[in-house]
Amino acid sequence: MGKVSFKPGTMLNPVPVVMVSCGSMEEKNILTIAWTGIINSEPPITYVSVRKSRYSHELIEKTNEFVINLCTEDLTKAADFCGVKTGRDTDKFKEQKLTPVEGELVGSPMILESPVNLECKVIEMKSFPTHDMFIAEIVKVHVDEKLLNRAGKIQLEKAQLICFNHGEYFGIKTEPIGKFGYSIMKLNTKKRLENQRKSVKRGGKGKAGPR
């Protein structure tokens, strides 16, 4: 099978779709981006890459805070709107009927309709030709109660999250094809986990997973 070569480009796909809320409860904005991810686990450190010309860039640079709000299928249109409209002359919260909620540790508002909110404090900014990367520590995580099972485990598969793939939005609806470490898992452990998953899907009281 042959391959076709292309010039260098941002061809890392798919990537997450998040709405980044920034500023303050008085001067707030939402920026939709796909260039975000995790840099470190302890402490949890993330980043968002923002074009220098964006209004949100000014707000993040001024406050050194922002909130990453995960996006669902129901929020896709709002996310797209917030990615193409400027906040300099548009109240995106009002236009898209999104609810700003005060965070616990940062002054930037969270988006109530988002199932998961990550409060972030900037620790460093790296400048590049087209974008600046705001590196930040995740200082608090908020999750909708409806995404927790009886054992308190977060079930993100029920959130109907979306991703961005080469210019288009896609839902994530497939069944899991494996669990971290499954390639070296003992057969008995694998069978036990499969039985637990089937029990939960039938409405049983199987455990959420290995402890």
Protein backbone atom coordinates (compact mmCIF):
# COMPACT_ATOMS: atom_id res chain seq x y z
CA MET A 1 0.00 0.00 0.00
CA GLY A 2 1.45 3.34 -1.07
CA LYS A 3 1.32 6.67 0.68
CA VAL A 4 0.96 10.24 -0.59
CA SER A 5 3.22 12.92 0.85
CA PHE A 6 1.99 16.39 1.81
CA LYS A 7 3.73 19.54 2.97
CA PRO A 8 4.13 19.95 6.76
CA GLY A 9 0.86 20.78 8.49
CA THR A 10 -1.24 20.37 11.61
CA MET A 11 -2.42 16.87 10.70
CA LEU A 12 -2.70 15.47 14.22
CA ASN A 13 -6.30 14.23 14.33
CA PRO A 14 -8.69 13.79 16.00
CA VAL A 15 -8.28 16.36 18.76
CA PRO A 16 -10.58 17.42 21.61
CA VAL A 17 -13.05 20.28 21.27
CA VAL A 18 -13.19 22.52 24.33
CA MET A 19 -14.67 25.89 25.15
CA VAL A 20 -12.22 28.01 27.12
CA SER A 21 -13.93 30.58 29.31
CA CYS A 22 -11.74 33.43 30.46
CA GLY A 23 -11.71 36.91 31.95
CA SER A 24 -13.93 37.59 34.95
CA MET A 25 -17.62 37.37 35.78
CA GLU A 26 -17.87 41.02 34.66
CA GLU A 27 -15.63 40.90 31.57
CA LYS A 28 -15.92 37.38 30.23
CA ASN A 29 -15.53 35.54 26.97
CA ILE A 30 -15.53 32.04 25.47
CA LEU A 31 -12.99 30.75 22.97
CA THR A 32 -13.36 27.38 21.26
CA ILE A 33 -10.09 25.62 20.58
CA ALA A 34 -8.83 22.19 19.64
CA TRP A 35 -5.18 22.73 20.52
CA THR A 36 -5.09 21.61 24.14
CA GLY A 37 -3.84 18.63 26.06
CA ILE A 38 -2.04 17.32 29.13
CA ILE A 39 1.64 18.03 29.78
CA ASN A 40 2.16 16.61 33.28
CA SER A 41 0.23 14.43 35.72
CA GLU A 42 1.47 15.44 39.20
CA PRO A 43 0.71 18.27 39.46
CA PRO A 44 -1.80 18.15 36.59
CA ILE A 45 -0.61 20.61 33.96
CA THR A 46 -2.39 21.47 30.72
CA TYR A 47 -2.08 24.04 27.97
CA VAL A 48 -4.14 26.00 25.45
CA SER A 49 -2.66 27.52 22.30
CA VAL A 50 -4.33 30.82 21.36
CA ARG A 51 -3.80 33.11 18.38
CA LYS A 52 -2.21 36.38 19.41
CA SER A 53 -4.99 38.38 17.75
CA ARG A 54 -7.83 36.80 19.72
CA TYR A 55 -9.72 38.76 22.37
CA SER A 56 -9.40 35.79 24.73
CA HIS A 57 -5.62 36.07 24.47
CA GLU A 58 -5.83 39.53 26.03
CA LEU A 59 -8.04 38.30 28.85
CA ILE A 60 -5.92 35.24 29.68
CA GLU A 61 -2.73 37.29 29.57
CA LYS A 62 -4.28 39.85 31.92
CA THR A 63 -5.74 37.44 34.50
CA ASN A 64 -3.45 34.40 34.12
CA GLU A 65 -6.51 32.19 34.56
CA PHE A 66 -9.01 30.29 32.43
CA VAL A 67 -11.43 27.36 32.55
CA ILE A 68 -11.45 24.45 30.11
CA ASN A 69 -15.04 23.29 29.52
CA LEU A 70 -15.52 19.95 27.74
CA CYS A 71 -18.05 19.95 24.89
CA THR A 72 -20.92 17.57 24.21
CA GLU A 73 -22.95 16.90 21.08
CA ASP A 74 -25.63 19.26 22.41
CA LEU A 75 -23.01 22.01 22.74
CA THR A 76 -21.55 21.59 19.26
CA LYS A 77 -23.36 24.54 17.68
CA ALA A 78 -22.49 26.80 20.61
CA ALA A 79 -18.87 25.67 20.43
CA ASP A 80 -18.71 26.44 16.72
CA PHE A 81 -20.27 29.87 17.27
CA CYS A 82 -17.79 30.69 20.02
CA GLY A 83 -14.94 29.66 17.75
CA VAL A 84 -15.83 31.93 14.82
CA LYS A 85 -17.32 35.02 16.50
CA THR A 86 -15.19 37.55 18.35
CA GLY A 87 -15.92 38.43 21.95
CA ARG A 88 -14.95 42.04 21.41
CA ASP A 89 -18.48 42.88 20.25
CA THR A 90 -20.46 39.72 21.10
CA ASP A 91 -21.64 38.37 24.45
CA LYS A 92 -21.24 34.71 23.63
CA PHE A 93 -22.79 33.55 26.90
CA LYS A 94 -25.94 35.53 26.12
CA GLU A 95 -26.06 34.69 22.42
CA GLN A 96 -25.75 30.94 23.00
CA LYS A 97 -27.78 30.86 26.23
CA LEU A 98 -24.85 29.54 28.24
CA THR A 99 -24.75 30.02 32.00
CA PRO A 100 -21.65 31.53 33.64
CA VAL A 101 -20.89 30.06 37.06
CA GLU A 102 -18.28 31.28 39.50
CA GLY A 103 -15.30 28.99 39.96
CA GLU A 104 -13.87 28.05 43.33
CA LEU A 105 -10.22 28.96 42.80
CA VAL A 106 -10.15 31.15 39.69
CA GLY A 107 -12.02 34.31 38.75
CA SER A 108 -12.90 33.12 35.25
CA PRO A 109 -16.44 31.75 34.90
CA MET A 110 -17.24 28.11 34.26
CA ILE A 111 -19.91 27.05 31.77
CA LEU A 112 -22.73 25.34 33.65
CA GLU A 113 -23.92 23.38 30.61
CA SER A 114 -20.53 21.70 30.17
CA PRO A 115 -20.28 18.28 31.87
CA VAL A 116 -16.68 18.80 33.01
CA ASN A 117 -14.93 22.05 33.96
CA LEU A 118 -11.21 22.41 34.66
CA GLU A 119 -10.14 25.50 36.58
CA CYS A 120 -6.65 26.49 35.43
CA LYS A 121 -3.98 28.93 36.60
CA VAL A 122 -1.30 29.98 34.12
CA ILE A 123 2.27 29.25 35.20
CA GLU A 124 4.08 30.06 31.96
CA MET A 125 3.49 31.40 28.45
CA LYS A 126 5.52 30.31 25.44
CA SER A 127 5.37 32.48 22.33
CA PHE A 128 5.38 31.08 18.80
CA PRO A 129 4.91 32.75 15.37
CA THR A 130 1.12 32.31 15.12
CA HIS A 131 0.04 31.21 18.60
CA ASP A 132 1.01 31.61 22.23
CA MET A 133 0.87 28.55 24.48
CA PHE A 134 -0.53 29.20 27.94
CA ILE A 135 0.76 26.46 30.23
CA ALA A 136 -1.39 26.12 33.32
CA GLU A 137 -1.93 23.98 36.40
CA ILE A 138 -5.36 22.39 36.78
CA VAL A 139 -6.33 23.48 40.28
CA LYS A 140 -9.90 22.15 40.47
CA VAL A 141 -12.12 19.79 38.48
CA HIS A 142 -15.93 19.89 38.43
CA VAL A 143 -18.05 17.02 37.05
CA ASP A 144 -21.82 16.72 36.62
CA GLU A 145 -23.31 14.40 39.24
CA LYS A 146 -25.19 12.47 36.57
CA LEU A 147 -21.87 11.20 35.19
CA LEU A 148 -20.96 9.43 38.44
CA ASN A 149 -21.98 5.83 39.08
CA ARG A 150 -22.85 4.39 42.48
CA ALA A 151 -19.21 3.83 43.28
CA GLY A 152 -18.36 7.45 42.44
CA LYS A 153 -16.53 6.56 39.24
CA ILE A 154 -16.69 9.15 36.47
CA GLN A 155 -18.37 7.72 33.37
CA LEU A 156 -17.27 10.10 30.62
CA GLU A 157 -18.64 7.73 27.99
CA LYS A 158 -22.11 8.95 29.00
CA ALA A 159 -21.27 12.60 28.38
CA GLN A 160 -21.50 12.33 24.56
CA LEU A 161 -18.29 14.29 24.10
CA ILE A 162 -17.14 15.47 20.67
CA CYS A 163 -13.83 15.74 18.85
CA PHE A 164 -12.52 17.72 15.90
CA ASN A 165 -11.20 15.81 12.88
CA HIS A 166 -9.75 17.66 9.88
CA GLY A 167 -12.26 20.51 9.91
CA GLU A 168 -15.34 18.61 11.09
CA TYR A 169 -16.97 17.80 14.43
CA PHE A 170 -17.60 14.17 15.34
CA GLY A 171 -19.40 12.52 18.22
CA ILE A 172 -17.71 9.79 20.24
CA LYS A 173 -20.25 6.97 20.36
CA THR A 174 -18.27 3.77 19.85
CA GLU A 175 -17.92 1.04 22.45
CA PRO A 176 -14.49 0.85 24.12
CA ILE A 177 -12.11 -1.50 22.32
CA GLY A 178 -9.76 -1.88 25.24
CA LYS A 179 -8.78 -0.64 28.68
CA PHE A 180 -5.38 0.72 29.67
CA GLY A 181 -3.11 -2.28 30.21
CA TYR A 182 -5.43 -4.79 28.51
CA SER A 183 -2.67 -5.97 26.16
CA ILE A 184 -0.85 -7.65 29.05
CA MET A 185 -3.87 -8.43 31.23
CA LYS A 186 -4.24 -11.92 32.64
CA LEU A 187 -7.04 -13.95 31.05
CA ASN A 188 -8.95 -14.40 34.33
CA THR A 189 -8.83 -10.67 35.04
CA LYS A 190 -10.01 -9.89 31.51
CA LYS A 191 -12.96 -12.29 31.83
CA ARG A 192 -13.93 -10.84 35.20
CA LEU A 193 -13.94 -7.28 33.84
CA GLU A 194 -15.99 -8.33 30.81
CA ASN A 195 -18.58 -9.99 33.07
CA GLN A 196 -18.74 -6.88 35.26
CA ARG A 197 -19.26 -4.65 32.23
CA LYS A 198 -22.05 -6.89 30.91
CA SER A 199 -23.70 -6.90 34.33
CA VAL A 200 -23.64 -3.11 34.54
CA LYS A 201 -25.10 -2.78 31.02
CA ARG A 202 -27.96 -5.09 32.06
CA GLY A 203 -28.63 -2.91 35.07
CA GLY A 204 -26.92 -5.15 37.60
CA LYS A 205 -24.74 -4.10 40.52
CA GLY A 206 -21.38 -5.19 39.15
CA LYS A 207 -18.35 -3.33 40.43
CA ALA A 208 -17.06 -0.45 38.34
CA GLY A 209 -13.65 -2.02 37.84
CA PRO A 210 -10.51 -3.26 39.56
CA ARG A 211 -9.48 -1.51 42.74
